[in-house]
Amino acid sequence: IEPAFSEYRKSLEAEQVEIKAVQLTAESGWHLPIDEIARAVAGC
């Protein structure tokens, strides 16, 4: 979930993990887009 603490991405990329990002926005008050996340986790 972006934006995120930079160590998440750094440590994952060091292990060749493929990152699928879900972007939070100021327009939504930076709240979790539950439906979008629920779709994104398939295969992860």
ModelCIF file with pLDDT and N, C-alpha, C, O atoms, coordinates in Angstrom:
data_MODEL
#
_entry.id   MODEL 
#
_entity.id                         1 
_entity.type                       polymer 
_entity.pdbx_number_of_molecules   1 
#
_entity_poly.entity_id                      1 
_entity_poly.type                           'polypeptide(L)' 
_entity_poly.nstd_linkage                   no 
_entity_poly.nstd_monomer                   no 
_entity_poly.pdbx_seq_one_letter_code       IEPAFSEYRKSLEAEQVEIKAVQLTAESGWHLPIDEIARAVAGC 
_entity_poly.pdbx_seq_one_letter_code_can   IEPAFSEYRKSLEAEQVEIKAVQLTAESGWHLPIDEIARAVAGC 
_entity_poly.pdbx_strand_id                 A 
#
loop_
_entity_poly_seq.entity_id 
_entity_poly_seq.num 
_entity_poly_seq.mon_id 
_entity_poly_seq.hetero 
1 1  ILE n 
1 2  GLU n 
1 3  PRO n 
1 4  ALA n 
1 5  PHE n 
1 6  SER n 
1 7  GLU n 
1 8  TYR n 
1 9  ARG n 
1 10 LYS n 
1 11 SER n 
1 12 LEU n 
1 13 GLU n 
1 14 ALA n 
1 15 GLU n 
1 16 GLN n 
1 17 VAL n 
1 18 GLU n 
1 19 ILE n 
1 20 LYS n 
1 21 ALA n 
1 22 VAL n 
1 23 GLN n 
1 24 LEU n 
1 25 THR n 
1 26 ALA n 
1 27 GLU n 
1 28 SER n 
1 29 GLY n 
1 30 TRP n 
1 31 HIS n 
1 32 LEU n 
1 33 PRO n 
1 34 ILE n 
1 35 ASP n 
1 36 GLU n 
1 37 ILE n 
1 38 ALA n 
1 39 ARG n 
1 40 ALA n 
1 41 VAL n 
1 42 ALA n 
1 43 GLY n 
1 44 CYS n 
#
_struct_asym.id          A 
_struct_asym.entity_id   1 
#
loop_
_ma_qa_metric.id 
_ma_qa_metric.mode 
_ma_qa_metric.name 
_ma_qa_metric.software_group_id 
_ma_qa_metric.type 
1 global pLDDT . pLDDT 
2 local  pLDDT . pLDDT 
#
_ma_qa_metric_global.metric_id      1 
_ma_qa_metric_global.metric_value   96.07 
_ma_qa_metric_global.model_id       1 
_ma_qa_metric_global.ordinal_id     1 
#
loop_
_ma_qa_metric_local.label_asym_id 
_ma_qa_metric_local.label_comp_id 
_ma_qa_metric_local.label_seq_id 
_ma_qa_metric_local.metric_id 
_ma_qa_metric_local.metric_value 
_ma_qa_metric_local.model_id 
_ma_qa_metric_local.ordinal_id 
A ILE 1  2 97.00 1 1  
A GLU 2  2 96.00 1 2  
A PRO 3  2 96.00 1 3  
A ALA 4  2 93.00 1 4  
A PHE 5  2 89.00 1 5  
A SER 6  2 88.00 1 6  
A GLU 7  2 90.00 1 7  
A TYR 8  2 95.00 1 8  
A ARG 9  2 95.00 1 9  
A LYS 10 2 94.00 1 10 
A SER 11 2 96.00 1 11 
A LEU 12 2 97.00 1 12 
A GLU 13 2 97.00 1 13 
A ALA 14 2 97.00 1 14 
A GLU 15 2 97.00 1 15 
A GLN 16 2 98.00 1 16 
A VAL 17 2 98.00 1 17 
A GLU 18 2 98.00 1 18 
A ILE 19 2 97.00 1 19 
A LYS 20 2 97.00 1 20 
A ALA 21 2 97.00 1 21 
A VAL 22 2 98.00 1 22 
A GLN 23 2 97.00 1 23 
A LEU 24 2 97.00 1 24 
A THR 25 2 95.00 1 25 
A ALA 26 2 94.00 1 26 
A GLU 27 2 94.00 1 27 
A SER 28 2 94.00 1 28 
A GLY 29 2 95.00 1 29 
A TRP 30 2 96.00 1 30 
A HIS 31 2 96.00 1 31 
A LEU 32 2 97.00 1 32 
A PRO 33 2 97.00 1 33 
A ILE 34 2 97.00 1 34 
A ASP 35 2 97.00 1 35 
A GLU 36 2 98.00 1 36 
A ILE 37 2 98.00 1 37 
A ALA 38 2 98.00 1 38 
A ARG 39 2 98.00 1 39 
A ALA 40 2 98.00 1 40 
A VAL 41 2 98.00 1 41 
A ALA 42 2 98.00 1 42 
A GLY 43 2 97.00 1 43 
A CYS 44 2 98.00 1 44 
#
loop_
_atom_site.group_PDB 
_atom_site.id 
_atom_site.type_symbol 
_atom_site.label_atom_id 
_atom_site.label_alt_id 
_atom_site.label_comp_id 
_atom_site.label_asym_id 
_atom_site.label_entity_id 
_atom_site.label_seq_id 
_atom_site.pdbx_PDB_ins_code 
_atom_site.Cartn_x 
_atom_site.Cartn_y 
_atom_site.Cartn_z 
_atom_site.occupancy 
_atom_site.B_iso_or_equiv 
_atom_site.pdbx_formal_charge 
_atom_site.auth_seq_id 
_atom_site.auth_comp_id 
_atom_site.auth_asym_id 
_atom_site.auth_atom_id 
_atom_site.pdbx_PDB_model_num 
ATOM 1   N N  . ILE A 1 1  ? 0.866   -1.182  0.000  1.00 97.00 ? 1  ILE A N  1 
ATOM 2   C CA . ILE A 1 1  ? 0.000   0.000   0.000  1.00 97.00 ? 1  ILE A CA 1 
ATOM 3   C C  . ILE A 1 1  ? 0.898   1.225   0.000  1.00 97.00 ? 1  ILE A C  1 
ATOM 4   O O  . ILE A 1 1  ? 1.616   1.477   0.967  1.00 97.00 ? 1  ILE A O  1 
ATOM 5   N N  . GLU A 1 2  ? 0.856   1.982   -1.082 1.00 96.00 ? 2  GLU A N  1 
ATOM 6   C CA . GLU A 1 2  ? 1.695   3.180   -1.218 1.00 96.00 ? 2  GLU A CA 1 
ATOM 7   C C  . GLU A 1 2  ? 0.891   4.442   -0.912 1.00 96.00 ? 2  GLU A C  1 
ATOM 8   O O  . GLU A 1 2  ? -0.301  4.496   -1.215 1.00 96.00 ? 2  GLU A O  1 
ATOM 9   N N  . PRO A 1 3  ? 1.527   5.468   -0.311 1.00 96.00 ? 3  PRO A N  1 
ATOM 10  C CA . PRO A 1 3  ? 2.924   5.518   0.118  1.00 96.00 ? 3  PRO A CA 1 
ATOM 11  C C  . PRO A 1 3  ? 3.183   4.602   1.303  1.00 96.00 ? 3  PRO A C  1 
ATOM 12  O O  . PRO A 1 3  ? 2.270   4.266   2.058  1.00 96.00 ? 3  PRO A O  1 
ATOM 13  N N  . ALA A 1 4  ? 4.449   4.202   1.456  1.00 93.00 ? 4  ALA A N  1 
ATOM 14  C CA . ALA A 1 4  ? 4.789   3.237   2.486  1.00 93.00 ? 4  ALA A CA 1 
ATOM 15  C C  . ALA A 1 4  ? 6.191   3.493   3.017  1.00 93.00 ? 4  ALA A C  1 
ATOM 16  O O  . ALA A 1 4  ? 7.014   4.138   2.367  1.00 93.00 ? 4  ALA A O  1 
ATOM 17  N N  . PHE A 1 5  ? 6.443   2.974   4.207  1.00 89.00 ? 5  PHE A N  1 
ATOM 18  C CA . PHE A 1 5  ? 7.771   2.968   4.814  1.00 89.00 ? 5  PHE A CA 1 
ATOM 19  C C  . PHE A 1 5  ? 8.755   2.361   3.820  1.00 89.00 ? 5  PHE A C  1 
ATOM 20  O O  . PHE A 1 5  ? 8.533   1.261   3.315  1.00 89.00 ? 5  PHE A O  1 
ATOM 21  N N  . SER A 1 6  ? 9.838   3.075   3.539  1.00 88.00 ? 6  SER A N  1 
ATOM 22  C CA . SER A 1 6  ? 10.726  2.691   2.441  1.00 88.00 ? 6  SER A CA 1 
ATOM 23  C C  . SER A 1 6  ? 11.383  1.331   2.639  1.00 88.00 ? 6  SER A C  1 
ATOM 24  O O  . SER A 1 6  ? 11.766  0.690   1.660  1.00 88.00 ? 6  SER A O  1 
ATOM 25  N N  . GLU A 1 7  ? 11.522  0.873   3.887  1.00 90.00 ? 7  GLU A N  1 
ATOM 26  C CA . GLU A 1 7  ? 12.187  -0.406  4.127  1.00 90.00 ? 7  GLU A CA 1 
ATOM 27  C C  . GLU A 1 7  ? 11.389  -1.593  3.590  1.00 90.00 ? 7  GLU A C  1 
ATOM 28  O O  . GLU A 1 7  ? 11.966  -2.638  3.290  1.00 90.00 ? 7  GLU A O  1 
ATOM 29  N N  . TYR A 1 8  ? 10.068  -1.443  3.466  1.00 95.00 ? 8  TYR A N  1 
ATOM 30  C CA . TYR A 1 8  ? 9.288   -2.534  2.877  1.00 95.00 ? 8  TYR A CA 1 
ATOM 31  C C  . TYR A 1 8  ? 9.823   -2.846  1.480  1.00 95.00 ? 8  TYR A C  1 
ATOM 32  O O  . TYR A 1 8  ? 10.218  -3.972  1.178  1.00 95.00 ? 8  TYR A O  1 
ATOM 33  N N  . ARG A 1 9  ? 9.820   -1.811  0.643  1.00 95.00 ? 9  ARG A N  1 
ATOM 34  C CA . ARG A 1 9  ? 10.220  -1.998  -0.757 1.00 95.00 ? 9  ARG A CA 1 
ATOM 35  C C  . ARG A 1 9  ? 11.693  -2.377  -0.868 1.00 95.00 ? 9  ARG A C  1 
ATOM 36  O O  . ARG A 1 9  ? 12.038  -3.262  -1.651 1.00 95.00 ? 9  ARG A O  1 
ATOM 37  N N  . LYS A 1 10 ? 12.560  -1.734  -0.108 1.00 94.00 ? 10 LYS A N  1 
ATOM 38  C CA . LYS A 1 10 ? 13.986  -2.019  -0.188 1.00 94.00 ? 10 LYS A CA 1 
ATOM 39  C C  . LYS A 1 10 ? 14.287  -3.474  0.141  1.00 94.00 ? 10 LYS A C  1 
ATOM 40  O O  . LYS A 1 10 ? 15.018  -4.151  -0.582 1.00 94.00 ? 10 LYS A O  1 
ATOM 41  N N  . SER A 1 11 ? 13.706  -3.948  1.256  1.00 96.00 ? 11 SER A N  1 
ATOM 42  C CA . SER A 1 11 ? 13.989  -5.325  1.666  1.00 96.00 ? 11 SER A CA 1 
ATOM 43  C C  . SER A 1 11 ? 13.393  -6.325  0.681  1.00 96.00 ? 11 SER A C  1 
ATOM 44  O O  . SER A 1 11 ? 14.012  -7.349  0.394  1.00 96.00 ? 11 SER A O  1 
ATOM 45  N N  . LEU A 1 12 ? 12.205  -6.043  0.160  1.00 97.00 ? 12 LEU A N  1 
ATOM 46  C CA . LEU A 1 12 ? 11.566  -6.952  -0.795 1.00 97.00 ? 12 LEU A CA 1 
ATOM 47  C C  . LEU A 1 12 ? 12.324  -6.993  -2.121 1.00 97.00 ? 12 LEU A C  1 
ATOM 48  O O  . LEU A 1 12 ? 12.552  -8.068  -2.675 1.00 97.00 ? 12 LEU A O  1 
ATOM 49  N N  . GLU A 1 13 ? 12.708  -5.838  -2.623 1.00 97.00 ? 13 GLU A N  1 
ATOM 50  C CA . GLU A 1 13 ? 13.429  -5.805  -3.896 1.00 97.00 ? 13 GLU A CA 1 
ATOM 51  C C  . GLU A 1 13 ? 14.780  -6.500  -3.788 1.00 97.00 ? 13 GLU A C  1 
ATOM 52  O O  . GLU A 1 13 ? 15.267  -7.063  -4.768 1.00 97.00 ? 13 GLU A O  1 
ATOM 53  N N  . ALA A 1 14 ? 15.391  -6.463  -2.598 1.00 97.00 ? 14 ALA A N  1 
ATOM 54  C CA . ALA A 1 14 ? 16.671  -7.146  -2.402 1.00 97.00 ? 14 ALA A CA 1 
ATOM 55  C C  . ALA A 1 14 ? 16.523  -8.659  -2.544 1.00 97.00 ? 14 ALA A C  1 
ATOM 56  O O  . ALA A 1 14 ? 17.501  -9.356  -2.816 1.00 97.00 ? 14 ALA A O  1 
ATOM 57  N N  . GLU A 1 15 ? 15.304  -9.169  -2.362 1.00 97.00 ? 15 GLU A N  1 
ATOM 58  C CA . GLU A 1 15 ? 15.029  -10.605 -2.487 1.00 97.00 ? 15 GLU A CA 1 
ATOM 59  C C  . GLU A 1 15 ? 14.275  -10.932 -3.779 1.00 97.00 ? 15 GLU A C  1 
ATOM 60  O O  . GLU A 1 15 ? 13.666  -11.994 -3.902 1.00 97.00 ? 15 GLU A O  1 
ATOM 61  N N  . GLN A 1 16 ? 14.326  -10.007 -4.737 1.00 98.00 ? 16 GLN A N  1 
ATOM 62  C CA . GLN A 1 16 ? 13.694  -10.213 -6.050 1.00 98.00 ? 16 GLN A CA 1 
ATOM 63  C C  . GLN A 1 16 ? 12.195  -10.504 -5.927 1.00 98.00 ? 16 GLN A C  1 
ATOM 64  O O  . GLN A 1 16 ? 11.645  -11.314 -6.673 1.00 98.00 ? 16 GLN A O  1 
ATOM 65  N N  . VAL A 1 17 ? 11.558  -9.839  -4.989 1.00 98.00 ? 17 VAL A N  1 
ATOM 66  C CA . VAL A 1 17 ? 10.106  -9.963  -4.837 1.00 98.00 ? 17 VAL A CA 1 
ATOM 67  C C  . VAL A 1 17 ? 9.431   -9.018  -5.827 1.00 98.00 ? 17 VAL A C  1 
ATOM 68  O O  . VAL A 1 17 ? 9.830   -7.861  -5.960 1.00 98.00 ? 17 VAL A O  1 
ATOM 69  N N  . GLU A 1 18 ? 8.419   -9.508  -6.512 1.00 98.00 ? 18 GLU A N  1 
ATOM 70  C CA . GLU A 1 18 ? 7.637   -8.659  -7.423 1.00 98.00 ? 18 GLU A CA 1 
ATOM 71  C C  . GLU A 1 18 ? 6.634   -7.866  -6.589 1.00 98.00 ? 18 GLU A C  1 
ATOM 72  O O  . GLU A 1 18 ? 5.881   -8.445  -5.806 1.00 98.00 ? 18 GLU A O  1 
ATOM 73  N N  . ILE A 1 19 ? 6.624   -6.560  -6.752 1.00 97.00 ? 19 ILE A N  1 
ATOM 74  C CA . ILE A 1 19 ? 5.762   -5.690  -5.946 1.00 97.00 ? 19 ILE A CA 1 
ATOM 75  C C  . ILE A 1 19 ? 4.576   -5.208  -6.767 1.00 97.00 ? 19 ILE A C  1 
ATOM 76  O O  . ILE A 1 19 ? 4.727   -4.662  -7.860 1.00 97.00 ? 19 ILE A O  1 
ATOM 77  N N  . LYS A 1 20 ? 3.406   -5.424  -6.214 1.00 97.00 ? 20 LYS A N  1 
ATOM 78  C CA . LYS A 1 20 ? 2.167   -4.937  -6.823 1.00 97.00 ? 20 LYS A CA 1 
ATOM 79  C C  . LYS A 1 20 ? 1.652   -3.815  -5.923 1.00 97.00 ? 20 LYS A C  1 
ATOM 80  O O  . LYS A 1 20 ? 1.267   -4.075  -4.783 1.00 97.00 ? 20 LYS A O  1 
ATOM 81  N N  . ALA A 1 21 ? 1.638   -2.587  -6.407 1.00 97.00 ? 21 ALA A N  1 
ATOM 82  C CA . ALA A 1 21 ? 1.305   -1.436  -5.572 1.00 97.00 ? 21 ALA A CA 1 
ATOM 83  C C  . ALA A 1 21 ? -0.167  -1.064  -5.683 1.00 97.00 ? 21 ALA A C  1 
ATOM 84  O O  . ALA A 1 21 ? -0.750  -1.095  -6.766 1.00 97.00 ? 21 ALA A O  1 
ATOM 85  N N  . VAL A 1 22 ? -0.758  -0.711  -4.538 1.00 98.00 ? 22 VAL A N  1 
ATOM 86  C CA . VAL A 1 22 ? -2.086  -0.104  -4.479 1.00 98.00 ? 22 VAL A CA 1 
ATOM 87  C C  . VAL A 1 22 ? -1.894  1.289   -3.900 1.00 98.00 ? 22 VAL A C  1 
ATOM 88  O O  . VAL A 1 22 ? -1.366  1.438   -2.798 1.00 98.00 ? 22 VAL A O  1 
ATOM 89  N N  . GLN A 1 23 ? -2.321  2.311   -4.639 1.00 97.00 ? 23 GLN A N  1 
ATOM 90  C CA . GLN A 1 23 ? -2.026  3.689   -4.279 1.00 97.00 ? 23 GLN A CA 1 
ATOM 91  C C  . GLN A 1 23 ? -3.135  4.327   -3.445 1.00 97.00 ? 23 GLN A C  1 
ATOM 92  O O  . GLN A 1 23 ? -4.297  4.341   -3.850 1.00 97.00 ? 23 GLN A O  1 
ATOM 93  N N  . LEU A 1 24 ? -2.767  4.850   -2.281 1.00 97.00 ? 24 LEU A N  1 
ATOM 94  C CA . LEU A 1 24 ? -3.684  5.681   -1.502 1.00 97.00 ? 24 LEU A CA 1 
ATOM 95  C C  . LEU A 1 24 ? -3.666  7.091   -2.080 1.00 97.00 ? 24 LEU A C  1 
ATOM 96  O O  . LEU A 1 24 ? -2.698  7.492   -2.728 1.00 97.00 ? 24 LEU A O  1 
ATOM 97  N N  . THR A 1 25 ? -4.743  7.842   -1.843 1.00 95.00 ? 25 THR A N  1 
ATOM 98  C CA . THR A 1 25 ? -4.823  9.201   -2.383 1.00 95.00 ? 25 THR A CA 1 
ATOM 99  C C  . THR A 1 25 ? -5.320  10.188  -1.342 1.00 95.00 ? 25 THR A C  1 
ATOM 100 O O  . THR A 1 25 ? -6.047  9.834   -0.415 1.00 95.00 ? 25 THR A O  1 
ATOM 101 N N  . ALA A 1 26 ? -4.910  11.427  -1.520 1.00 94.00 ? 26 ALA A N  1 
ATOM 102 C CA . ALA A 1 26 ? -5.398  12.491  -0.637 1.00 94.00 ? 26 ALA A CA 1 
ATOM 103 C C  . ALA A 1 26 ? -6.892  12.694  -0.808 1.00 94.00 ? 26 ALA A C  1 
ATOM 104 O O  . ALA A 1 26 ? -7.588  13.020  0.154  1.00 94.00 ? 26 ALA A O  1 
ATOM 105 N N  . GLU A 1 27 ? -7.396  12.503  -2.030 1.00 94.00 ? 27 GLU A N  1 
ATOM 106 C CA . GLU A 1 27 ? -8.829  12.710  -2.309 1.00 94.00 ? 27 GLU A CA 1 
ATOM 107 C C  . GLU A 1 27 ? -9.702  11.775  -1.481 1.00 94.00 ? 27 GLU A C  1 
ATOM 108 O O  . GLU A 1 27 ? -10.829 12.128  -1.133 1.00 94.00 ? 27 GLU A O  1 
ATOM 109 N N  . SER A 1 28 ? -9.199  10.595  -1.165 1.00 94.00 ? 28 SER A N  1 
ATOM 110 C CA . SER A 1 28 ? -9.972  9.642   -0.356 1.00 94.00 ? 28 SER A CA 1 
ATOM 111 C C  . SER A 1 28 ? -9.603  9.709   1.121  1.00 94.00 ? 28 SER A C  1 
ATOM 112 O O  . SER A 1 28 ? -9.992  8.843   1.904  1.00 94.00 ? 28 SER A O  1 
ATOM 113 N N  . GLY A 1 29 ? -8.855  10.736  1.496  1.00 95.00 ? 29 GLY A N  1 
ATOM 114 C CA . GLY A 1 29 ? -8.444  10.868  2.888  1.00 95.00 ? 29 GLY A CA 1 
ATOM 115 C C  . GLY A 1 29 ? -7.388  9.858   3.291  1.00 95.00 ? 29 GLY A C  1 
ATOM 116 O O  . GLY A 1 29 ? -7.204  9.591   4.479  1.00 95.00 ? 29 GLY A O  1 
ATOM 117 N N  . TRP A 1 30 ? -6.686  9.287   2.303  1.00 96.00 ? 30 TRP A N  1 
ATOM 118 C CA . TRP A 1 30 ? -5.641  8.289   2.532  1.00 96.00 ? 30 TRP A CA 1 
ATOM 119 C C  . TRP A 1 30 ? -6.187  7.012   3.175  1.00 96.00 ? 30 TRP A C  1 
ATOM 120 O O  . TRP A 1 30 ? -5.438  6.280   3.822  1.00 96.00 ? 30 TRP A O  1 
ATOM 121 N N  . HIS A 1 31 ? -7.465  6.743   3.005  1.00 96.00 ? 31 HIS A N  1 
ATOM 122 C CA . HIS A 1 31 ? -8.072  5.533   3.560  1.00 96.00 ? 31 HIS A CA 1 
ATOM 123 C C  . HIS A 1 31 ? -7.840  4.344   2.626  1.00 96.00 ? 31 HIS A C  1 
ATOM 124 O O  . HIS A 1 31 ? -7.643  4.517   1.423  1.00 96.00 ? 31 HIS A O  1 
ATOM 125 N N  . LEU A 1 32 ? -7.865  3.143   3.190  1.00 97.00 ? 32 LEU A N  1 
ATOM 126 C CA . LEU A 1 32 ? -7.632  1.934   2.411  1.00 97.00 ? 32 LEU A CA 1 
ATOM 127 C C  . LEU A 1 32 ? -8.761  1.705   1.408  1.00 97.00 ? 32 LEU A C  1 
ATOM 128 O O  . LEU A 1 32 ? -9.928  1.711   1.800  1.00 97.00 ? 32 LEU A O  1 
ATOM 129 N N  . PRO A 1 33 ? -8.455  1.504   0.135  1.00 97.00 ? 33 PRO A N  1 
ATOM 130 C CA . PRO A 1 33 ? -9.481  1.144   -0.854 1.00 97.00 ? 33 PRO A CA 1 
ATOM 131 C C  . PRO A 1 33 ? -9.722  -0.377  -0.775 1.00 97.00 ? 33 PRO A C  1 
ATOM 132 O O  . PRO A 1 33 ? -9.097  -1.149  -1.503 1.00 97.00 ? 33 PRO A O  1 
ATOM 133 N N  . ILE A 1 34 ? -10.610 -0.782  0.092  1.00 97.00 ? 34 ILE A N  1 
ATOM 134 C CA . ILE A 1 34 ? -10.769 -2.190  0.439  1.00 97.00 ? 34 ILE A CA 1 
ATOM 135 C C  . ILE A 1 34 ? -11.046 -3.058  -0.785 1.00 97.00 ? 34 ILE A C  1 
ATOM 136 O O  . ILE A 1 34 ? -10.431 -4.112  -0.945 1.00 97.00 ? 34 ILE A O  1 
ATOM 137 N N  . ASP A 1 35 ? -11.956 -2.633  -1.639 1.00 97.00 ? 35 ASP A N  1 
ATOM 138 C CA . ASP A 1 35 ? -12.314 -3.449  -2.805 1.00 97.00 ? 35 ASP A CA 1 
ATOM 139 C C  . ASP A 1 35 ? -11.128 -3.628  -3.749 1.00 97.00 ? 35 ASP A C  1 
ATOM 140 O O  . ASP A 1 35 ? -10.898 -4.725  -4.259 1.00 97.00 ? 35 ASP A O  1 
ATOM 141 N N  . GLU A 1 36 ? -10.383 -2.563  -3.982 1.00 98.00 ? 36 GLU A N  1 
ATOM 142 C CA . GLU A 1 36 ? -9.218  -2.641  -4.869 1.00 98.00 ? 36 GLU A CA 1 
ATOM 143 C C  . GLU A 1 36 ? -8.157  -3.566  -4.293 1.00 98.00 ? 36 GLU A C  1 
ATOM 144 O O  . GLU A 1 36 ? -7.554  -4.356  -5.020 1.00 98.00 ? 36 GLU A O  1 
ATOM 145 N N  . ILE A 1 37 ? -7.931  -3.469  -2.987 1.00 98.00 ? 37 ILE A N  1 
ATOM 146 C CA . ILE A 1 37 ? -6.947  -4.338  -2.338 1.00 98.00 ? 37 ILE A CA 1 
ATOM 147 C C  . ILE A 1 37 ? -7.395  -5.796  -2.413 1.00 98.00 ? 37 ILE A C  1 
ATOM 148 O O  . ILE A 1 37 ? -6.591  -6.693  -2.668 1.00 98.00 ? 37 ILE A O  1 
ATOM 149 N N  . ALA A 1 38 ? -8.688  -6.019  -2.187 1.00 98.00 ? 38 ALA A N  1 
ATOM 150 C CA . ALA A 1 38 ? -9.225  -7.384  -2.225 1.00 98.00 ? 38 ALA A CA 1 
ATOM 151 C C  . ALA A 1 38 ? -9.000  -8.026  -3.593 1.00 98.00 ? 38 ALA A C  1 
ATOM 152 O O  . ALA A 1 38 ? -8.749  -9.228  -3.687 1.00 98.00 ? 38 ALA A O  1 
ATOM 153 N N  . ARG A 1 39 ? -9.091  -7.227  -4.646 1.00 98.00 ? 39 ARG A N  1 
ATOM 154 C CA . ARG A 1 39 ? -8.827  -7.755  -5.995 1.00 98.00 ? 39 ARG A CA 1 
ATOM 155 C C  . ARG A 1 39 ? -7.329  -7.997  -6.206 1.00 98.00 ? 39 ARG A C  1 
ATOM 156 O O  . ARG A 1 39 ? -6.929  -8.951  -6.874 1.00 98.00 ? 39 ARG A O  1 
ATOM 157 N N  . ALA A 1 40 ? -6.519  -7.124  -5.629 1.00 98.00 ? 40 ALA A N  1 
ATOM 158 C CA . ALA A 1 40 ? -5.081  -7.168  -5.888 1.00 98.00 ? 40 ALA A CA 1 
ATOM 159 C C  . ALA A 1 40 ? -4.393  -8.370  -5.257 1.00 98.00 ? 40 ALA A C  1 
ATOM 160 O O  . ALA A 1 40 ? -3.383  -8.838  -5.784 1.00 98.00 ? 40 ALA A O  1 
ATOM 161 N N  . VAL A 1 41 ? -4.912  -8.886  -4.141 1.00 98.00 ? 41 VAL A N  1 
ATOM 162 C CA . VAL A 1 41 ? -4.183  -9.936  -3.411 1.00 98.00 ? 41 VAL A CA 1 
ATOM 163 C C  . VAL A 1 41 ? -4.229  -11.301 -4.089 1.00 98.00 ? 41 VAL A C  1 
ATOM 164 O O  . VAL A 1 41 ? -3.443  -12.180 -3.738 1.00 98.00 ? 41 VAL A O  1 
ATOM 165 N N  . ALA A 1 42 ? -5.122  -11.499 -5.045 1.00 98.00 ? 42 ALA A N  1 
ATOM 166 C CA . ALA A 1 42 ? -5.182  -12.782 -5.751 1.00 98.00 ? 42 ALA A CA 1 
ATOM 167 C C  . ALA A 1 42 ? -3.834  -13.081 -6.406 1.00 98.00 ? 42 ALA A C  1 
ATOM 168 O O  . ALA A 1 42 ? -3.295  -12.253 -7.139 1.00 98.00 ? 42 ALA A O  1 
ATOM 169 N N  . GLY A 1 43 ? -3.303  -14.257 -6.138 1.00 97.00 ? 43 GLY A N  1 
ATOM 170 C CA . GLY A 1 43 ? -2.034  -14.652 -6.723 1.00 97.00 ? 43 GLY A CA 1 
ATOM 171 C C  . GLY A 1 43 ? -0.816  -14.082 -6.021 1.00 97.00 ? 43 GLY A C  1 
ATOM 172 O O  . GLY A 1 43 ? 0.304   -14.201 -6.519 1.00 97.00 ? 43 GLY A O  1 
ATOM 173 N N  . CYS A 1 44 ? -1.027  -13.463 -4.866 1.00 98.00 ? 44 CYS A N  1 
ATOM 174 C CA . CYS A 1 44 ? 0.086   -12.853 -4.137 1.00 98.00 ? 44 CYS A CA 1 
ATOM 175 C C  . CYS A 1 44 ? 0.396   -13.638 -2.856 1.00 98.00 ? 44 CYS A C  1 
ATOM 176 O O  . CYS A 1 44 ? 1.306   -13.272 -2.112 1.00 98.00 ? 44 CYS A O  1 
#
